[in-house]
Amino acid sequence: MKTNIEKGQIGERIAENYLENNGYKIVETNFRNKIGEIDIIASKENNLIFVEVKSRTSLNYGYPYEAVNYKKQNKIIRTSLLYIQYKNLKHKQLRYDIIEVFLASIPKINHIENAFSL
């Protein structure tokens, strides 16, 4: 049986492949700073997209997106703003997405664009 960390890593790889196959460029993965972590930072057109990936093998504890509550959203936003400051990025539209990965023999993906905002 895989640990939650291993399931999360598998889900993140699936999400990265999904994004690349849909025209996104992966800028960075697992960005960490003193506030928190962002699973995937991607770009598409003039958008800089911060993606939280949530993986599940069942819905026993609810839908994956439900784990991205207000507190988690705030942490992601604050982390992203520091990222923008570190990288001196300007003139990009920011977007916050959630990708739910349902781990099964054939994984299923639910991409929630603009899941939350500043």
N, C-alpha and C. Protein backbone atom coordinates (compact mmCIF):
# COMPACT_ATOMS: atom_id res chain seq x y z
N MET A 1 0.84 -1.18 0.00
CA MET A 1 0.00 0.00 0.00
C MET A 1 0.88 1.25 0.00
N LYS A 2 0.55 2.20 -0.82
CA LYS A 2 1.33 3.42 -0.93
C LYS A 2 0.98 4.39 0.20
N THR A 3 1.98 5.16 0.60
CA THR A 3 1.76 6.18 1.62
C THR A 3 1.06 7.38 0.99
N ASN A 4 0.55 8.27 1.82
CA ASN A 4 -0.09 9.48 1.31
C ASN A 4 0.90 10.34 0.53
N ILE A 5 2.16 10.36 0.98
CA ILE A 5 3.19 11.13 0.27
C ILE A 5 3.40 10.55 -1.13
N GLU A 6 3.49 9.23 -1.22
CA GLU A 6 3.67 8.58 -2.54
C GLU A 6 2.46 8.83 -3.44
N LYS A 7 1.27 8.75 -2.88
CA LYS A 7 0.07 9.03 -3.67
C LYS A 7 0.08 10.47 -4.18
N GLY A 8 0.50 11.39 -3.32
CA GLY A 8 0.59 12.79 -3.71
C GLY A 8 1.58 13.01 -4.83
N GLN A 9 2.73 12.35 -4.75
CA GLN A 9 3.75 12.48 -5.79
C GLN A 9 3.25 11.92 -7.12
N ILE A 10 2.56 10.79 -7.07
CA ILE A 10 1.98 10.21 -8.29
C ILE A 10 0.96 11.16 -8.88
N GLY A 11 0.10 11.71 -8.04
CA GLY A 11 -0.91 12.66 -8.50
C GLY A 11 -0.30 13.89 -9.13
N GLU A 12 0.77 14.39 -8.55
CA GLU A 12 1.43 15.57 -9.11
C GLU A 12 2.04 15.27 -10.48
N ARG A 13 2.63 14.09 -10.65
CA ARG A 13 3.18 13.72 -11.96
C ARG A 13 2.07 13.60 -13.02
N ILE A 14 0.95 13.02 -12.61
CA ILE A 14 -0.19 12.91 -13.53
C ILE A 14 -0.70 14.29 -13.90
N ALA A 15 -0.80 15.19 -12.93
CA ALA A 15 -1.25 16.56 -13.18
C ALA A 15 -0.29 17.30 -14.10
N GLU A 16 1.02 17.14 -13.89
CA GLU A 16 2.01 17.78 -14.77
C GLU A 16 1.83 17.31 -16.21
N ASN A 17 1.71 16.00 -16.40
CA ASN A 17 1.51 15.45 -17.75
C ASN A 17 0.24 15.99 -18.39
N TYR A 18 -0.82 16.05 -17.60
CA TYR A 18 -2.10 16.57 -18.08
C TYR A 18 -1.93 18.02 -18.55
N LEU A 19 -1.29 18.85 -17.73
CA LEU A 19 -1.10 20.25 -18.10
C LEU A 19 -0.26 20.39 -19.38
N GLU A 20 0.85 19.67 -19.45
CA GLU A 20 1.70 19.74 -20.63
C GLU A 20 0.95 19.30 -21.88
N ASN A 21 0.14 18.26 -21.75
CA ASN A 21 -0.65 17.77 -22.90
C ASN A 21 -1.76 18.73 -23.31
N ASN A 22 -2.05 19.71 -22.45
CA ASN A 22 -3.08 20.69 -22.74
C ASN A 22 -2.52 22.09 -22.98
N GLY A 23 -1.26 22.15 -23.37
CA GLY A 23 -0.66 23.41 -23.81
C GLY A 23 -0.07 24.29 -22.73
N TYR A 24 0.06 23.79 -21.53
CA TYR A 24 0.68 24.56 -20.45
C TYR A 24 2.18 24.27 -20.44
N LYS A 25 2.95 25.26 -20.01
CA LYS A 25 4.38 25.07 -19.81
C LYS A 25 4.61 25.00 -18.30
N ILE A 26 5.26 23.95 -17.85
CA ILE A 26 5.58 23.83 -16.43
C ILE A 26 6.78 24.72 -16.14
N VAL A 27 6.59 25.68 -15.24
CA VAL A 27 7.64 26.62 -14.88
C VAL A 27 8.46 26.09 -13.71
N GLU A 28 7.75 25.53 -12.74
CA GLU A 28 8.41 25.04 -11.53
C GLU A 28 7.47 24.07 -10.81
N THR A 29 8.06 23.14 -10.09
CA THR A 29 7.26 22.23 -9.27
C THR A 29 7.77 22.27 -7.84
N ASN A 30 6.86 22.04 -6.93
CA ASN A 30 7.17 21.98 -5.49
C ASN A 30 7.98 23.19 -5.02
N PHE A 31 7.52 24.37 -5.41
CA PHE A 31 8.16 25.60 -4.94
C PHE A 31 7.84 25.78 -3.47
N ARG A 32 8.89 26.00 -2.67
CA ARG A 32 8.72 26.20 -1.23
C ARG A 32 9.37 27.52 -0.80
N ASN A 33 8.73 28.17 0.15
CA ASN A 33 9.34 29.32 0.81
C ASN A 33 8.91 29.28 2.27
N LYS A 34 9.19 30.36 2.99
CA LYS A 34 8.93 30.36 4.43
C LYS A 34 7.45 30.27 4.77
N ILE A 35 6.58 30.54 3.81
CA ILE A 35 5.15 30.51 4.07
C ILE A 35 4.54 29.15 3.75
N GLY A 36 4.92 28.60 2.61
CA GLY A 36 4.29 27.35 2.21
C GLY A 36 4.87 26.77 0.94
N GLU A 37 4.06 25.95 0.27
CA GLU A 37 4.49 25.26 -0.94
C GLU A 37 3.40 25.37 -2.00
N ILE A 38 3.85 25.44 -3.25
CA ILE A 38 2.94 25.37 -4.39
C ILE A 38 3.35 24.16 -5.20
N ASP A 39 2.38 23.29 -5.48
CA ASP A 39 2.68 22.04 -6.16
C ASP A 39 3.23 22.26 -7.56
N ILE A 40 2.50 23.05 -8.36
CA ILE A 40 2.91 23.28 -9.75
C ILE A 40 2.70 24.75 -10.08
N ILE A 41 3.70 25.33 -10.72
CA ILE A 41 3.56 26.67 -11.29
C ILE A 41 3.69 26.48 -12.79
N ALA A 42 2.68 26.93 -13.51
CA ALA A 42 2.65 26.74 -14.95
C ALA A 42 2.32 28.06 -15.63
N SER A 43 2.54 28.10 -16.93
CA SER A 43 2.16 29.29 -17.69
C SER A 43 1.44 28.85 -18.96
N LYS A 44 0.56 29.72 -19.39
CA LYS A 44 -0.16 29.53 -20.64
C LYS A 44 -0.64 30.89 -21.07
N GLU A 45 -0.27 31.25 -22.29
CA GLU A 45 -0.53 32.59 -22.81
C GLU A 45 0.09 33.60 -21.86
N ASN A 46 -0.65 34.57 -21.37
CA ASN A 46 -0.07 35.56 -20.46
C ASN A 46 -0.44 35.27 -19.00
N ASN A 47 -0.83 34.03 -18.74
CA ASN A 47 -1.24 33.64 -17.38
C ASN A 47 -0.13 32.90 -16.66
N LEU A 48 0.04 33.23 -15.40
CA LEU A 48 0.90 32.46 -14.51
C LEU A 48 -0.06 31.74 -13.57
N ILE A 49 -0.03 30.40 -13.62
CA ILE A 49 -1.02 29.60 -12.93
C ILE A 49 -0.38 28.83 -11.79
N PHE A 50 -0.94 29.00 -10.62
CA PHE A 50 -0.49 28.30 -9.42
C PHE A 50 -1.48 27.17 -9.17
N VAL A 51 -0.97 25.94 -9.19
CA VAL A 51 -1.85 24.77 -9.16
C VAL A 51 -1.64 23.97 -7.87
N GLU A 52 -2.73 23.73 -7.19
CA GLU A 52 -2.74 22.84 -6.04
C GLU A 52 -3.29 21.50 -6.52
N VAL A 53 -2.54 20.44 -6.29
CA VAL A 53 -2.95 19.11 -6.71
C VAL A 53 -3.41 18.33 -5.49
N LYS A 54 -4.58 17.73 -5.59
CA LYS A 54 -5.12 16.90 -4.52
C LYS A 54 -5.45 15.54 -5.11
N SER A 55 -4.86 14.50 -4.54
CA SER A 55 -5.05 13.14 -5.02
C SER A 55 -5.84 12.33 -4.00
N ARG A 56 -6.70 11.48 -4.50
CA ARG A 56 -7.50 10.61 -3.64
C ARG A 56 -7.68 9.24 -4.31
N THR A 57 -7.83 8.23 -3.47
CA THR A 57 -8.16 6.91 -3.99
C THR A 57 -9.63 6.60 -3.75
N SER A 58 -10.28 7.40 -2.89
CA SER A 58 -11.71 7.24 -2.65
C SER A 58 -12.29 8.58 -2.20
N LEU A 59 -13.59 8.63 -2.11
CA LEU A 59 -14.25 9.85 -1.64
C LEU A 59 -14.68 9.74 -0.18
N ASN A 60 -14.07 8.82 0.55
CA ASN A 60 -14.42 8.61 1.96
C ASN A 60 -14.28 9.88 2.79
N TYR A 61 -13.35 10.74 2.41
CA TYR A 61 -13.13 11.97 3.17
C TYR A 61 -13.57 13.21 2.38
N GLY A 62 -14.44 13.01 1.40
CA GLY A 62 -14.94 14.11 0.61
C GLY A 62 -14.17 14.27 -0.69
N TYR A 63 -14.60 15.24 -1.47
CA TYR A 63 -13.93 15.53 -2.73
C TYR A 63 -12.59 16.20 -2.46
N PRO A 64 -11.61 15.94 -3.30
CA PRO A 64 -10.28 16.51 -3.05
C PRO A 64 -10.28 18.03 -2.93
N TYR A 65 -11.06 18.72 -3.78
CA TYR A 65 -11.04 20.18 -3.74
C TYR A 65 -11.50 20.73 -2.39
N GLU A 66 -12.29 19.95 -1.66
CA GLU A 66 -12.79 20.40 -0.36
C GLU A 66 -11.67 20.57 0.66
N ALA A 67 -10.53 19.94 0.41
CA ALA A 67 -9.38 20.07 1.31
C ALA A 67 -8.67 21.40 1.13
N VAL A 68 -9.00 22.11 0.05
CA VAL A 68 -8.38 23.42 -0.20
C VAL A 68 -9.32 24.49 0.37
N ASN A 69 -9.33 24.56 1.68
CA ASN A 69 -10.21 25.49 2.37
C ASN A 69 -9.63 26.92 2.34
N TYR A 70 -10.34 27.83 2.98
CA TYR A 70 -9.92 29.24 2.97
C TYR A 70 -8.49 29.40 3.50
N LYS A 71 -8.16 28.71 4.57
CA LYS A 71 -6.82 28.82 5.17
C LYS A 71 -5.75 28.36 4.17
N LYS A 72 -5.99 27.23 3.50
CA LYS A 72 -5.05 26.71 2.51
C LYS A 72 -4.95 27.66 1.31
N GLN A 73 -6.08 28.19 0.87
CA GLN A 73 -6.07 29.15 -0.25
C GLN A 73 -5.24 30.37 0.10
N ASN A 74 -5.42 30.90 1.30
CA ASN A 74 -4.68 32.07 1.74
C ASN A 74 -3.17 31.79 1.76
N LYS A 75 -2.80 30.59 2.20
CA LYS A 75 -1.39 30.21 2.25
C LYS A 75 -0.80 30.12 0.83
N ILE A 76 -1.57 29.56 -0.10
CA ILE A 76 -1.12 29.45 -1.49
C ILE A 76 -0.96 30.85 -2.10
N ILE A 77 -1.93 31.72 -1.85
CA ILE A 77 -1.86 33.09 -2.39
C ILE A 77 -0.63 33.81 -1.84
N ARG A 78 -0.42 33.74 -0.54
CA ARG A 78 0.73 34.42 0.07
C ARG A 78 2.05 33.85 -0.47
N THR A 79 2.11 32.54 -0.62
CA THR A 79 3.31 31.90 -1.17
C THR A 79 3.54 32.36 -2.61
N SER A 80 2.47 32.45 -3.38
CA SER A 80 2.60 32.86 -4.79
C SER A 80 3.08 34.31 -4.90
N LEU A 81 2.61 35.17 -4.02
CA LEU A 81 3.03 36.57 -4.07
C LEU A 81 4.52 36.71 -3.75
N LEU A 82 5.01 35.89 -2.82
CA LEU A 82 6.45 35.89 -2.55
C LEU A 82 7.22 35.34 -3.76
N TYR A 83 6.68 34.33 -4.41
CA TYR A 83 7.31 33.77 -5.62
C TYR A 83 7.47 34.86 -6.68
N ILE A 84 6.41 35.61 -6.90
CA ILE A 84 6.43 36.69 -7.89
C ILE A 84 7.48 37.73 -7.52
N GLN A 85 7.57 38.02 -6.23
CA GLN A 85 8.56 38.98 -5.76
C GLN A 85 9.98 38.44 -5.95
N TYR A 86 10.21 37.16 -5.58
CA TYR A 86 11.54 36.53 -5.74
C TYR A 86 11.99 36.54 -7.19
N LYS A 87 11.06 36.23 -8.07
CA LYS A 87 11.39 36.09 -9.50
C LYS A 87 11.27 37.40 -10.26
N ASN A 88 10.85 38.46 -9.57
CA ASN A 88 10.68 39.77 -10.17
C ASN A 88 9.79 39.71 -11.42
N LEU A 89 8.67 39.05 -11.27
CA LEU A 89 7.73 38.89 -12.38
C LEU A 89 6.70 40.02 -12.35
N LYS A 90 6.42 40.54 -13.51
CA LYS A 90 5.43 41.60 -13.62
C LYS A 90 4.59 41.35 -14.87
N HIS A 91 3.47 42.00 -14.92
CA HIS A 91 2.63 41.97 -16.11
C HIS A 91 2.12 40.59 -16.48
N LYS A 92 1.87 39.79 -15.50
CA LYS A 92 1.28 38.47 -15.74
C LYS A 92 -0.08 38.44 -15.05
N GLN A 93 -1.01 37.81 -15.70
CA GLN A 93 -2.29 37.54 -15.06
C GLN A 93 -2.10 36.33 -14.16
N LEU A 94 -2.57 36.41 -12.94
CA LEU A 94 -2.43 35.31 -12.00
C LEU A 94 -3.71 34.50 -11.96
N ARG A 95 -3.52 33.19 -11.83
CA ARG A 95 -4.67 32.30 -11.72
C ARG A 95 -4.35 31.19 -10.73
N TYR A 96 -5.36 30.79 -9.98
CA TYR A 96 -5.20 29.74 -8.99
C TYR A 96 -6.14 28.59 -9.33
N ASP A 97 -5.56 27.45 -9.66
CA ASP A 97 -6.32 26.27 -10.07
C ASP A 97 -6.15 25.16 -9.06
N ILE A 98 -7.09 24.24 -9.09
CA ILE A 98 -6.98 22.99 -8.34
C ILE A 98 -7.13 21.87 -9.35
N ILE A 99 -6.26 20.88 -9.25
CA ILE A 99 -6.42 19.67 -10.05
C ILE A 99 -6.66 18.52 -9.09
N GLU A 100 -7.82 17.89 -9.27
CA GLU A 100 -8.15 16.70 -8.49
C GLU A 100 -7.72 15.49 -9.32
N VAL A 101 -7.00 14.58 -8.68
CA VAL A 101 -6.58 13.35 -9.34
C VAL A 101 -7.19 12.20 -8.56
N PHE A 102 -8.03 11.45 -9.24
CA PHE A 102 -8.63 10.26 -8.64
C PHE A 102 -7.79 9.08 -9.08
N LEU A 103 -7.04 8.52 -8.14
CA LEU A 103 -6.12 7.44 -8.46
C LEU A 103 -6.89 6.13 -8.55
N ALA A 104 -6.86 5.55 -9.72
CA ALA A 104 -7.50 4.26 -9.99
C ALA A 104 -6.66 3.60 -11.07
N SER A 105 -7.11 2.45 -11.56
CA SER A 105 -6.34 1.78 -12.62
C SER A 105 -6.20 2.72 -13.82
N ILE A 106 -7.23 3.51 -14.09
CA ILE A 106 -7.14 4.60 -15.08
C ILE A 106 -7.45 5.88 -14.31
N PRO A 107 -6.42 6.68 -14.01
CA PRO A 107 -6.65 7.90 -13.23
C PRO A 107 -7.61 8.86 -13.93
N LYS A 108 -8.39 9.55 -13.14
CA LYS A 108 -9.31 10.56 -13.65
C LYS A 108 -8.88 11.90 -13.10
N ILE A 109 -9.00 12.92 -13.95
CA ILE A 109 -8.56 14.26 -13.58
C ILE A 109 -9.73 15.23 -13.69
N ASN A 110 -9.85 16.09 -12.70
CA ASN A 110 -10.81 17.19 -12.73
C ASN A 110 -10.02 18.47 -12.52
N HIS A 111 -9.93 19.29 -13.58
CA HIS A 111 -9.17 20.54 -13.52
C HIS A 111 -10.15 21.68 -13.25
N ILE A 112 -10.00 22.31 -12.10
CA ILE A 112 -10.85 23.43 -11.72
C ILE A 112 -10.06 24.72 -11.92
N GLU A 113 -10.33 25.39 -13.03
CA GLU A 113 -9.65 26.65 -13.33
C GLU A 113 -10.27 27.77 -12.49
N ASN A 114 -9.45 28.74 -12.11
CA ASN A 114 -9.92 29.86 -11.29
C ASN A 114 -10.69 29.37 -10.07
N ALA A 115 -10.13 28.40 -9.39
CA ALA A 115 -10.77 27.80 -8.22
C ALA A 115 -10.95 28.81 -7.09
N PHE A 116 -10.02 29.75 -7.00
CA PHE A 116 -10.11 30.82 -6.01
C PHE A 116 -9.28 31.99 -6.52
N SER A 117 -9.39 33.12 -5.86
CA SER A 117 -8.67 34.31 -6.33
C SER A 117 -8.17 35.13 -5.15
N LEU A 118 -7.36 36.15 -5.50
CA LEU A 118 -6.80 37.05 -4.49
C LEU A 118 -7.88 37.68 -3.64
